Amino acid sequence: MALLLLPATLWADTAKKKIKSVEITIDAPTPGMDLENAEKLALKAVNTAYGDLFKSGVITMRDISWDGEFGENEEGYPTLKAGYPYIATIEIVIDPDGDYQTEWVKIDGSDMLSTENFKATVNGIPARVLRSAPYFPTMQVKFTIPGGKGGPLEKDDHLPTTTC
């Protein structure tokens, strides 16, 4: 009988459950919200084929950033404008010491996620998964802030969109 010796980390990763998609729920951005608060929107749920892995502490929010045309409040801080579209870039973290991992592939010699092997929605809106590390899925989603006349988003108009 032949004994196959594999590095412990490789063997451990093959035993983990594979996450192929996430349905993320965050607090919705609102008109007039300042950028600082928009970057602190609370993660409410991250549903997967294995249930809500946010609730169980397996998945957390690492970062959220916003791109678009901002207004300004009385203190001079940037604010989200009613009726305007914004691109949110969201990065989540999957606990690398837990029982889960993503369904990653080799891209240019590195283990990566992309739209071909990982799917995501944010508040029901399909998100574009960016090339990212297997335990740090990063995605972009386009939100239109409710109310007002709004205006065009000059960057990356091909993202799926909806009103929050």
Protein backbone atom coordinates (compact mmCIF):
# COMPACT_ATOMS: atom_id res chain seq x y z
CA MET A 1 0.00 0.00 0.00
CA ALA A 2 1.41 3.39 -1.02
CA LEU A 3 1.22 6.27 1.40
CA LEU A 4 0.58 9.66 -0.18
CA LEU A 5 2.16 12.47 1.79
CA LEU A 6 0.61 15.90 1.23
CA PRO A 7 1.36 19.12 3.06
CA ALA A 8 -1.11 19.50 5.94
CA THR A 9 -2.42 22.84 4.62
CA LEU A 10 -3.20 21.36 1.20
CA TRP A 11 -4.97 18.38 2.74
CA ALA A 12 -6.92 20.66 5.12
CA ASP A 13 -8.12 22.89 2.26
CA THR A 14 -9.42 19.94 0.24
CA ALA A 15 -11.54 18.90 3.23
CA LYS A 16 -13.22 22.32 3.49
CA LYS A 17 -16.72 23.09 2.20
CA LYS A 18 -16.65 25.11 -1.04
CA ILE A 19 -18.50 28.45 -1.17
CA LYS A 20 -19.47 29.15 -4.79
CA SER A 21 -21.74 32.15 -4.20
CA VAL A 22 -22.78 34.68 -1.56
CA GLU A 23 -25.94 36.73 -1.09
CA ILE A 24 -24.84 39.74 0.95
CA THR A 25 -27.23 42.02 2.81
CA ILE A 26 -26.00 45.39 4.10
CA ASP A 27 -27.76 48.46 5.47
CA ALA A 28 -28.96 50.56 2.53
CA PRO A 29 -27.22 53.86 1.81
CA THR A 30 -29.48 56.92 2.12
CA PRO A 31 -29.60 60.39 0.55
CA GLY A 32 -27.35 62.86 2.38
CA MET A 33 -25.42 60.10 4.17
CA ASP A 34 -21.84 61.25 4.60
CA LEU A 35 -19.08 59.16 3.07
CA GLU A 36 -17.65 58.19 6.47
CA ASN A 37 -20.98 56.61 7.49
CA ALA A 38 -21.44 55.03 4.05
CA GLU A 39 -18.08 53.30 4.55
CA LYS A 40 -19.33 51.89 7.86
CA LEU A 41 -22.61 50.39 6.63
CA ALA A 42 -23.40 47.31 8.68
CA LEU A 43 -23.23 43.84 7.24
CA LYS A 44 -26.52 42.10 8.09
CA ALA A 45 -26.18 38.67 6.45
CA VAL A 46 -24.05 36.61 4.06
CA ASN A 47 -26.15 33.72 2.87
CA THR A 48 -24.50 30.75 1.16
CA ALA A 49 -25.46 27.17 0.35
CA TYR A 50 -24.40 26.48 3.98
CA GLY A 51 -26.62 29.14 5.57
CA ASP A 52 -25.81 32.61 6.92
CA LEU A 53 -22.05 32.52 7.51
CA PHE A 54 -22.03 36.10 8.85
CA LYS A 55 -24.31 35.12 11.71
CA SER A 56 -22.02 32.21 12.57
CA GLY A 57 -18.93 34.47 12.47
CA VAL A 58 -17.25 32.76 9.49
CA ILE A 59 -17.60 35.76 7.14
CA THR A 60 -17.03 39.40 8.09
CA MET A 61 -16.86 42.71 6.25
CA ARG A 62 -13.33 43.98 5.64
CA ASP A 63 -14.01 47.13 3.62
CA ILE A 64 -16.56 49.10 1.63
CA SER A 65 -15.69 52.11 -0.50
CA TRP A 66 -17.80 54.33 -2.77
CA ASP A 67 -17.20 55.95 -6.14
CA GLY A 68 -19.48 58.50 -7.79
CA GLU A 69 -20.47 62.16 -7.74
CA PHE A 70 -20.66 63.38 -4.15
CA GLY A 71 -22.40 66.33 -2.57
CA GLU A 72 -21.15 68.10 0.52
CA ASN A 73 -22.68 68.63 3.95
CA GLU A 74 -22.39 71.75 6.15
CA GLU A 75 -19.10 70.50 7.62
CA GLY A 76 -17.64 70.02 4.13
CA TYR A 77 -17.74 66.20 4.21
CA PRO A 78 -18.70 64.32 1.01
CA THR A 79 -22.28 63.00 0.96
CA LEU A 80 -24.32 60.64 -1.19
CA LYS A 81 -26.69 62.55 -3.47
CA ALA A 82 -30.33 61.52 -3.96
CA GLY A 83 -31.00 60.02 -7.37
CA TYR A 84 -27.33 59.52 -8.22
CA PRO A 85 -25.66 56.18 -8.92
CA TYR A 86 -22.62 55.02 -6.95
CA ILE A 87 -20.32 52.04 -7.28
CA ALA A 88 -19.68 50.28 -3.98
CA THR A 89 -16.57 48.10 -3.79
CA ILE A 90 -17.07 45.56 -1.03
CA GLU A 91 -14.50 43.16 0.40
CA ILE A 92 -15.48 40.37 2.76
CA VAL A 93 -13.26 37.97 4.70
CA ILE A 94 -13.80 34.23 5.01
CA ASP A 95 -12.08 32.87 8.12
CA PRO A 96 -9.11 30.92 6.70
CA ASP A 97 -9.00 28.78 9.86
CA GLY A 98 -12.67 27.79 9.49
CA ASP A 99 -14.38 24.95 7.66
CA TYR A 100 -15.07 26.90 4.45
CA GLN A 101 -13.22 28.15 1.40
CA THR A 102 -14.17 29.54 -1.99
CA GLU A 103 -14.15 27.71 -5.28
CA TRP A 104 -10.97 29.36 -6.61
CA VAL A 105 -9.01 28.73 -9.79
CA LYS A 106 -5.44 29.38 -10.96
CA ILE A 107 -5.20 32.64 -12.93
CA ASP A 108 -1.76 33.67 -14.16
CA GLY A 109 -0.19 31.29 -11.62
CA SER A 110 -2.14 32.60 -8.58
CA ASP A 111 -5.16 31.22 -6.71
CA MET A 112 -7.94 33.69 -7.55
CA LEU A 113 -11.64 34.35 -7.55
CA SER A 114 -13.36 35.97 -10.51
CA THR A 115 -16.79 36.18 -12.14
CA GLU A 116 -16.13 32.81 -13.80
CA ASN A 117 -15.89 30.84 -10.56
CA PHE A 118 -17.65 32.87 -7.84
CA LYS A 119 -21.02 34.68 -7.84
CA ALA A 120 -22.31 37.42 -5.54
CA THR A 121 -25.32 39.64 -4.97
CA VAL A 122 -25.59 42.64 -2.63
CA ASN A 123 -29.08 43.52 -1.40
CA GLY A 124 -30.42 41.40 -4.28
CA ILE A 125 -28.35 43.23 -6.94
CA PRO A 126 -25.95 41.08 -9.00
CA ALA A 127 -22.37 42.14 -8.23
CA ARG A 128 -19.29 41.91 -10.41
CA VAL A 129 -16.67 39.79 -8.65
CA LEU A 130 -13.21 41.27 -9.06
CA ARG A 131 -10.09 39.16 -9.24
CA SER A 132 -9.32 38.64 -5.59
CA ALA A 133 -7.66 36.27 -3.14
CA PRO A 134 -9.65 33.13 -2.24
CA TYR A 135 -10.40 34.15 1.37
CA PHE A 136 -10.98 37.84 0.55
CA PRO A 137 -13.73 38.04 -2.10
CA THR A 138 -14.03 41.56 -3.54
CA MET A 139 -16.97 42.72 -5.59
CA GLN A 140 -18.50 45.85 -7.08
CA VAL A 141 -22.17 46.73 -7.19
CA LYS A 142 -23.96 49.81 -8.49
CA PHE A 143 -26.50 51.48 -6.20
CA THR A 144 -28.74 54.40 -7.11
CA ILE A 145 -29.61 56.46 -4.04
CA PRO A 146 -33.41 56.89 -3.84
CA GLY A 147 -35.07 60.28 -4.45
CA GLY A 148 -34.11 63.31 -6.52
CA LYS A 149 -33.52 63.67 -10.24
CA GLY A 150 -30.04 62.27 -10.21
CA GLY A 151 -27.46 62.19 -12.88
CA PRO A 152 -25.28 59.84 -14.85
CA LEU A 153 -22.46 57.77 -13.49
CA GLU A 154 -19.55 58.47 -15.77
CA LYS A 155 -17.53 55.44 -14.72
CA ASP A 156 -18.32 51.79 -15.53
CA ASP A 157 -21.99 51.97 -16.61
CA HIS A 158 -22.11 48.23 -17.39
CA LEU A 159 -22.67 47.15 -13.78
CA PRO A 160 -26.13 45.88 -12.83
CA THR A 161 -28.10 48.55 -10.97
CA THR A 162 -31.19 49.10 -8.89
CA THR A 163 -32.56 51.68 -6.49
CA CYS A 164 -31.93 50.89 -2.81
